[in-house]
N, C-alpha and C. Protein backbone atom coordinates (compact mmCIF):
# COMPACT_ATOMS: atom_id res chain seq x y z
N UNK A 1 76.51 251.35 61.69
CA UNK A 1 75.93 250.30 60.89
C UNK A 1 76.94 249.83 59.84
N UNK A 2 77.14 248.55 59.79
CA UNK A 2 78.10 247.97 58.85
C UNK A 2 77.50 247.91 57.45
N UNK A 3 78.27 248.31 56.41
CA UNK A 3 77.72 248.26 55.06
C UNK A 3 77.48 246.82 54.63
N UNK A 4 76.49 246.65 53.78
CA UNK A 4 76.18 245.32 53.27
C UNK A 4 77.36 244.77 52.48
N UNK A 5 77.47 243.44 52.47
CA UNK A 5 78.58 242.80 51.77
C UNK A 5 78.35 242.76 50.27
N UNK A 6 77.15 243.10 49.83
CA UNK A 6 76.84 243.00 48.41
C UNK A 6 76.50 244.35 47.82
N UNK A 7 76.80 244.52 46.56
CA UNK A 7 76.46 245.71 45.81
C UNK A 7 75.56 245.26 44.66
N UNK A 8 74.36 245.83 44.57
CA UNK A 8 73.48 245.50 43.46
C UNK A 8 73.84 246.37 42.28
N UNK A 9 74.07 245.77 41.15
CA UNK A 9 74.26 246.51 39.91
C UNK A 9 73.11 246.16 39.00
N UNK A 10 73.04 246.80 37.88
CA UNK A 10 71.94 246.55 36.96
C UNK A 10 71.95 245.12 36.42
N UNK A 11 73.10 244.53 36.26
CA UNK A 11 73.19 243.22 35.64
C UNK A 11 73.43 242.08 36.62
N UNK A 12 74.06 242.36 37.77
CA UNK A 12 74.36 241.26 38.68
C UNK A 12 74.66 241.78 40.08
N UNK A 13 74.70 240.87 40.99
CA UNK A 13 75.02 241.16 42.38
C UNK A 13 76.52 240.98 42.57
N UNK A 14 77.18 242.01 43.08
CA UNK A 14 78.63 241.94 43.27
C UNK A 14 78.97 241.85 44.75
N UNK A 15 80.03 241.17 45.04
CA UNK A 15 80.57 241.10 46.39
C UNK A 15 81.40 242.36 46.61
N UNK A 16 81.17 243.05 47.73
CA UNK A 16 81.94 244.26 48.00
C UNK A 16 83.42 243.92 48.14
N UNK A 17 84.30 244.81 47.66
CA UNK A 17 85.73 244.58 47.83
C UNK A 17 86.09 244.45 49.31
N UNK A 18 86.95 243.51 49.61
CA UNK A 18 87.39 243.31 50.98
C UNK A 18 86.48 242.42 51.80
N UNK A 19 85.39 241.92 51.22
CA UNK A 19 84.51 241.01 51.94
C UNK A 19 84.56 239.64 51.29
N UNK A 20 84.20 238.64 52.04
CA UNK A 20 84.15 237.29 51.49
C UNK A 20 82.81 236.67 51.83
N UNK A 21 82.51 235.58 51.18
CA UNK A 21 81.27 234.88 51.43
C UNK A 21 81.51 233.66 52.32
N UNK A 22 82.65 233.56 52.89
CA UNK A 22 82.98 232.41 53.72
C UNK A 22 84.40 231.98 53.42
N UNK A 23 84.76 230.84 53.95
CA UNK A 23 86.13 230.37 53.76
C UNK A 23 86.44 230.13 52.29
N UNK A 24 87.44 230.81 51.81
CA UNK A 24 87.91 230.60 50.46
C UNK A 24 86.99 231.14 49.37
N UNK A 25 85.96 231.85 49.76
CA UNK A 25 85.04 232.38 48.76
C UNK A 25 85.60 233.64 48.14
N UNK A 26 85.18 233.90 46.94
CA UNK A 26 85.60 235.11 46.25
C UNK A 26 84.49 235.51 45.29
N UNK A 27 84.69 236.63 44.64
CA UNK A 27 83.70 237.07 43.65
C UNK A 27 83.57 236.03 42.54
N UNK A 28 84.69 235.40 42.16
CA UNK A 28 84.62 234.41 41.09
C UNK A 28 83.75 233.21 41.46
N UNK A 29 83.86 232.73 42.70
CA UNK A 29 83.02 231.60 43.09
C UNK A 29 81.56 232.03 43.20
N UNK A 30 81.32 233.26 43.65
CA UNK A 30 79.97 233.77 43.71
C UNK A 30 79.39 233.88 42.30
N UNK A 31 80.18 234.41 41.37
CA UNK A 31 79.73 234.51 39.99
C UNK A 31 79.43 233.12 39.42
N UNK A 32 80.23 232.13 39.75
CA UNK A 32 80.01 230.77 39.25
C UNK A 32 78.69 230.21 39.78
N UNK A 33 78.40 230.45 41.05
CA UNK A 33 77.13 230.00 41.62
C UNK A 33 75.95 230.71 40.96
N UNK A 34 76.10 232.00 40.76
CA UNK A 34 75.04 232.79 40.12
C UNK A 34 74.79 232.30 38.70
N UNK A 35 75.87 232.10 37.95
CA UNK A 35 75.72 231.63 36.57
C UNK A 35 75.12 230.23 36.51
N UNK A 36 75.47 229.38 37.45
CA UNK A 36 74.90 228.03 37.48
C UNK A 36 73.40 228.09 37.76
N UNK A 37 72.98 228.97 38.66
CA UNK A 37 71.55 229.08 38.95
C UNK A 37 70.79 229.63 37.75
N UNK A 38 71.37 230.56 37.03
CA UNK A 38 70.71 231.10 35.84
C UNK A 38 70.71 230.09 34.70
N UNK A 39 71.74 229.26 34.61
CA UNK A 39 71.75 228.19 33.61
C UNK A 39 70.64 227.18 33.90
N UNK A 40 70.41 226.90 35.18
CA UNK A 40 69.33 226.00 35.57
C UNK A 40 67.97 226.59 35.17
N UNK A 41 67.82 227.89 35.38
CA UNK A 41 66.58 228.56 35.02
C UNK A 41 66.36 228.51 33.50
N UNK A 42 67.39 228.78 32.74
CA UNK A 42 67.29 228.73 31.27
C UNK A 42 66.96 227.32 30.81
N UNK A 43 67.52 226.33 31.47
CA UNK A 43 67.24 224.94 31.13
C UNK A 43 65.77 224.59 31.38
N UNK A 44 65.22 225.06 32.48
CA UNK A 44 63.81 224.78 32.78
C UNK A 44 62.90 225.46 31.77
N UNK A 45 63.22 226.69 31.37
CA UNK A 45 62.41 227.37 30.36
C UNK A 45 62.51 226.65 29.02
N UNK A 46 63.68 226.08 28.71
CA UNK A 46 63.82 225.28 27.48
C UNK A 46 62.98 224.00 27.57
N UNK A 47 62.88 223.42 28.76
CA UNK A 47 62.04 222.23 28.95
C UNK A 47 60.57 222.57 28.70
N UNK A 48 60.15 223.75 29.10
CA UNK A 48 58.77 224.18 28.84
C UNK A 48 58.55 224.28 27.33
N UNK A 49 59.50 224.91 26.64
CA UNK A 49 59.40 225.03 25.18
C UNK A 49 59.37 223.65 24.53
N UNK A 50 60.24 222.74 24.97
CA UNK A 50 60.26 221.39 24.41
C UNK A 50 58.95 220.65 24.64
N UNK A 51 58.33 220.85 25.80
CA UNK A 51 57.05 220.20 26.09
C UNK A 51 55.96 220.74 25.16
N UNK A 52 56.01 222.02 24.86
CA UNK A 52 55.04 222.59 23.92
C UNK A 52 55.25 222.05 22.51
N UNK A 53 56.50 221.98 22.08
CA UNK A 53 56.80 221.46 20.74
C UNK A 53 56.37 219.99 20.64
N UNK A 54 56.63 219.21 21.68
CA UNK A 54 56.24 217.79 21.68
C UNK A 54 54.72 217.63 21.62
N UNK A 55 53.98 218.61 22.14
CA UNK A 55 52.53 218.55 22.11
C UNK A 55 51.95 219.10 20.81
N UNK A 56 52.82 219.50 19.88
CA UNK A 56 52.37 219.97 18.58
C UNK A 56 52.31 221.48 18.43
N UNK A 57 52.72 222.21 19.44
CA UNK A 57 52.74 223.69 19.37
C UNK A 57 54.13 224.11 18.92
N UNK A 58 54.35 224.08 17.59
CA UNK A 58 55.70 224.26 17.07
C UNK A 58 56.00 225.66 16.56
N UNK A 59 55.02 226.55 16.53
CA UNK A 59 55.29 227.93 16.14
C UNK A 59 55.05 228.84 17.33
N UNK A 60 55.61 230.02 17.25
CA UNK A 60 55.44 230.98 18.34
C UNK A 60 53.97 231.35 18.53
N UNK A 61 53.23 231.47 17.44
CA UNK A 61 51.81 231.82 17.54
C UNK A 61 51.04 230.72 18.26
N UNK A 62 51.31 229.47 17.92
CA UNK A 62 50.63 228.35 18.58
C UNK A 62 51.04 228.23 20.05
N UNK A 63 52.33 228.46 20.32
CA UNK A 63 52.81 228.41 21.70
C UNK A 63 52.16 229.52 22.52
N UNK A 64 52.02 230.69 21.93
CA UNK A 64 51.37 231.81 22.63
C UNK A 64 49.92 231.48 22.95
N UNK A 65 49.23 230.87 22.00
CA UNK A 65 47.83 230.49 22.22
C UNK A 65 47.73 229.46 23.35
N UNK A 66 48.64 228.50 23.36
CA UNK A 66 48.62 227.47 24.40
C UNK A 66 48.95 228.06 25.77
N UNK A 67 49.89 229.00 25.80
CA UNK A 67 50.31 229.61 27.06
C UNK A 67 49.34 230.68 27.55
N UNK A 68 48.50 231.18 26.67
CA UNK A 68 47.56 232.23 27.06
C UNK A 68 48.20 233.60 27.17
N UNK A 69 49.26 233.83 26.41
CA UNK A 69 49.96 235.11 26.42
C UNK A 69 50.08 235.61 24.99
N UNK A 70 50.54 236.84 24.82
CA UNK A 70 50.73 237.38 23.48
C UNK A 70 51.93 236.72 22.81
N UNK A 71 51.98 236.85 21.49
CA UNK A 71 53.07 236.23 20.75
C UNK A 71 54.44 236.79 21.15
N UNK A 72 54.60 238.11 21.27
CA UNK A 72 55.91 238.62 21.71
C UNK A 72 56.30 238.13 23.12
N UNK A 73 55.33 238.01 24.00
CA UNK A 73 55.61 237.52 25.35
C UNK A 73 56.05 236.06 25.30
N UNK A 74 55.36 235.25 24.49
CA UNK A 74 55.74 233.84 24.35
C UNK A 74 57.14 233.72 23.78
N UNK A 75 57.45 234.53 22.76
CA UNK A 75 58.78 234.46 22.16
C UNK A 75 59.85 234.85 23.18
N UNK A 76 59.61 235.92 23.91
CA UNK A 76 60.59 236.38 24.91
C UNK A 76 60.78 235.33 26.00
N UNK A 77 59.70 234.72 26.44
CA UNK A 77 59.77 233.71 27.49
C UNK A 77 60.54 232.48 27.04
N UNK A 78 60.31 232.04 25.83
CA UNK A 78 60.86 230.77 25.37
C UNK A 78 62.16 230.89 24.59
N UNK A 79 62.51 232.08 24.11
CA UNK A 79 63.68 232.20 23.24
C UNK A 79 64.70 233.25 23.65
N UNK A 80 64.31 234.21 24.45
CA UNK A 80 65.20 235.32 24.78
C UNK A 80 66.15 234.95 25.91
N UNK A 81 67.08 235.86 26.19
CA UNK A 81 68.01 235.70 27.29
C UNK A 81 67.23 235.40 28.57
N UNK A 82 67.65 234.40 29.34
CA UNK A 82 66.86 233.89 30.46
C UNK A 82 67.35 234.35 31.84
N UNK A 83 67.94 235.53 31.92
CA UNK A 83 68.47 235.95 33.22
C UNK A 83 67.39 236.26 34.24
N UNK A 84 66.23 236.69 33.80
CA UNK A 84 65.22 237.08 34.78
C UNK A 84 64.08 236.09 34.90
N UNK A 85 63.63 235.52 33.82
CA UNK A 85 62.51 234.60 33.87
C UNK A 85 61.19 235.34 33.87
N UNK A 86 60.09 234.61 33.76
CA UNK A 86 58.77 235.25 33.68
C UNK A 86 58.34 235.82 35.04
N UNK A 87 57.54 236.86 34.97
CA UNK A 87 57.03 237.47 36.20
C UNK A 87 55.90 236.61 36.77
N UNK A 88 55.51 236.91 37.99
CA UNK A 88 54.42 236.16 38.61
C UNK A 88 53.12 236.37 37.84
N UNK A 89 52.92 237.55 37.26
CA UNK A 89 51.71 237.81 36.49
C UNK A 89 51.67 236.91 35.24
N UNK A 90 52.79 236.75 34.58
CA UNK A 90 52.85 235.88 33.40
C UNK A 90 52.64 234.42 33.80
N UNK A 91 53.24 234.00 34.91
CA UNK A 91 53.06 232.63 35.39
C UNK A 91 51.58 232.38 35.70
N UNK A 92 50.92 233.33 36.35
CA UNK A 92 49.49 233.17 36.66
C UNK A 92 48.68 233.04 35.37
N UNK A 93 49.01 233.86 34.40
CA UNK A 93 48.30 233.81 33.13
C UNK A 93 48.51 232.47 32.44
N UNK A 94 49.73 231.96 32.48
CA UNK A 94 50.03 230.67 31.85
C UNK A 94 49.29 229.54 32.55
N UNK A 95 49.33 229.52 33.87
CA UNK A 95 48.69 228.43 34.60
C UNK A 95 47.16 228.47 34.51
N UNK A 96 46.60 229.62 34.18
CA UNK A 96 45.15 229.69 34.02
C UNK A 96 44.71 229.47 32.58
N UNK A 97 45.66 229.26 31.67
CA UNK A 97 45.34 229.04 30.25
C UNK A 97 44.65 227.69 30.07
N UNK A 98 43.48 227.65 29.45
CA UNK A 98 42.76 226.39 29.29
C UNK A 98 43.40 225.43 28.29
N UNK A 99 44.18 225.94 27.35
CA UNK A 99 44.77 225.09 26.30
C UNK A 99 46.18 224.61 26.62
N UNK A 100 46.67 224.86 27.81
CA UNK A 100 48.03 224.46 28.17
C UNK A 100 48.12 222.94 28.27
N UNK A 101 49.01 222.32 27.48
CA UNK A 101 49.14 220.86 27.54
C UNK A 101 49.60 220.41 28.93
N UNK A 102 49.17 219.23 29.38
CA UNK A 102 49.53 218.74 30.72
C UNK A 102 51.04 218.68 30.97
N UNK A 103 51.81 218.26 29.98
CA UNK A 103 53.26 218.17 30.16
C UNK A 103 53.87 219.55 30.37
N UNK A 104 53.40 220.53 29.62
CA UNK A 104 53.90 221.90 29.78
C UNK A 104 53.46 222.47 31.13
N UNK A 105 52.22 222.15 31.55
CA UNK A 105 51.74 222.61 32.86
C UNK A 105 52.64 222.06 33.97
N UNK A 106 53.00 220.78 33.88
CA UNK A 106 53.89 220.18 34.89
C UNK A 106 55.23 220.90 34.93
N UNK A 107 55.77 221.24 33.75
CA UNK A 107 57.07 221.94 33.70
C UNK A 107 56.96 223.34 34.31
N UNK A 108 55.85 224.02 34.05
CA UNK A 108 55.66 225.36 34.63
C UNK A 108 55.52 225.25 36.15
N UNK A 109 54.78 224.25 36.61
CA UNK A 109 54.64 224.05 38.06
C UNK A 109 55.97 223.69 38.70
N UNK A 110 56.81 222.90 38.01
CA UNK A 110 58.15 222.60 38.51
C UNK A 110 58.98 223.88 38.58
N UNK A 111 58.85 224.75 37.56
CA UNK A 111 59.56 226.02 37.55
C UNK A 111 59.18 226.84 38.77
N UNK A 112 57.88 226.91 39.06
CA UNK A 112 57.40 227.68 40.21
C UNK A 112 57.97 227.11 41.50
N UNK A 113 57.90 225.79 41.66
CA UNK A 113 58.43 225.15 42.87
C UNK A 113 59.92 225.41 43.04
N UNK A 114 60.68 225.31 41.94
CA UNK A 114 62.13 225.53 42.00
C UNK A 114 62.46 226.99 42.28
N UNK A 115 61.68 227.91 41.72
CA UNK A 115 61.93 229.33 41.97
C UNK A 115 61.67 229.65 43.44
N UNK A 116 60.59 229.11 43.99
CA UNK A 116 60.28 229.34 45.40
C UNK A 116 61.34 228.71 46.30
N UNK A 117 61.90 227.58 45.88
CA UNK A 117 62.93 226.90 46.66
C UNK A 117 64.28 227.62 46.58
N UNK A 118 64.42 228.58 45.67
CA UNK A 118 65.65 229.34 45.59
C UNK A 118 66.68 228.79 44.65
N UNK A 119 66.30 227.91 43.75
CA UNK A 119 67.27 227.29 42.85
C UNK A 119 67.72 228.21 41.72
N UNK A 120 67.08 229.35 41.57
CA UNK A 120 67.43 230.26 40.47
C UNK A 120 68.15 231.51 40.95
N UNK A 121 68.65 231.50 42.19
CA UNK A 121 69.49 232.57 42.69
C UNK A 121 68.77 233.79 43.23
N UNK A 122 67.47 233.68 43.50
CA UNK A 122 66.74 234.83 44.03
C UNK A 122 66.89 234.90 45.55
N UNK A 123 66.77 236.11 46.07
CA UNK A 123 66.89 236.31 47.50
C UNK A 123 65.65 235.78 48.21
N UNK A 124 65.74 235.61 49.52
CA UNK A 124 64.61 235.14 50.31
C UNK A 124 63.43 236.09 50.17
N UNK A 125 63.70 237.38 50.18
CA UNK A 125 62.64 238.37 50.04
C UNK A 125 61.91 238.21 48.72
N UNK A 126 62.63 238.07 47.59
CA UNK A 126 62.02 237.92 46.27
C UNK A 126 61.25 236.61 46.16
N UNK A 127 61.79 235.55 46.75
CA UNK A 127 61.11 234.26 46.71
C UNK A 127 59.80 234.32 47.49
N UNK A 128 59.82 234.96 48.66
CA UNK A 128 58.61 235.11 49.45
C UNK A 128 57.58 235.93 48.69
N UNK A 129 58.01 237.03 48.09
CA UNK A 129 57.11 237.87 47.32
C UNK A 129 56.49 237.09 46.16
N UNK A 130 57.31 236.33 45.44
CA UNK A 130 56.82 235.54 44.32
C UNK A 130 55.80 234.51 44.81
N UNK A 131 56.10 233.82 45.90
CA UNK A 131 55.19 232.82 46.46
C UNK A 131 53.85 233.45 46.83
N UNK A 132 53.89 234.62 47.44
CA UNK A 132 52.65 235.31 47.81
C UNK A 132 51.84 235.72 46.59
N UNK A 133 52.52 236.12 45.52
CA UNK A 133 51.83 236.56 44.32
C UNK A 133 51.09 235.43 43.62
N UNK A 134 51.66 234.23 43.64
CA UNK A 134 51.03 233.14 42.90
C UNK A 134 50.30 232.15 43.80
N UNK A 135 50.36 232.34 45.10
CA UNK A 135 49.82 231.33 46.03
C UNK A 135 48.33 231.08 45.84
N UNK A 136 47.56 232.11 45.57
CA UNK A 136 46.12 231.88 45.45
C UNK A 136 45.76 231.08 44.21
N UNK A 137 46.67 231.00 43.24
CA UNK A 137 46.34 230.30 42.01
C UNK A 137 46.82 228.86 41.96
N UNK A 138 48.09 228.62 42.34
CA UNK A 138 48.64 227.32 42.04
C UNK A 138 49.21 226.56 43.24
N UNK A 139 49.23 227.14 44.41
CA UNK A 139 49.76 226.42 45.56
C UNK A 139 48.62 225.98 46.48
N UNK A 140 48.69 224.76 47.02
CA UNK A 140 47.64 224.32 47.93
C UNK A 140 47.65 225.14 49.22
N UNK A 141 46.49 225.26 49.83
CA UNK A 141 46.37 226.00 51.09
C UNK A 141 47.14 225.28 52.17
N UNK A 142 47.87 226.06 52.96
CA UNK A 142 48.68 225.47 54.03
C UNK A 142 48.01 225.58 55.36
């Protein structure tokens, strides 16, 4: 059995030494793609925060109330390092919040669609798992 081309570390996925991802690929180009996908994710989370602020939810306590999560969770989601993003449980809680402004709801739904589409660097397995976790709440029946 041939070893996998990737090594999972605690912080990032590494390309095994001596392997490539295709013509002219290297660890540096892989890192650039990974960082670009995480920058996109951080940008989408910032858009959610901006939508909440535009709707008048300008403090962490008000944002937490609108999102239907605790204040520390809201702060971590909207202000902390964005390498991982919210879990499916947090997304379900946010989408079921009755006070969520329509603009923020649209941004959260866009986040879900983009995460399922793989724009944030997740593997097919993780994307499928995420889709299954939230499908009963926010995705139309197929």
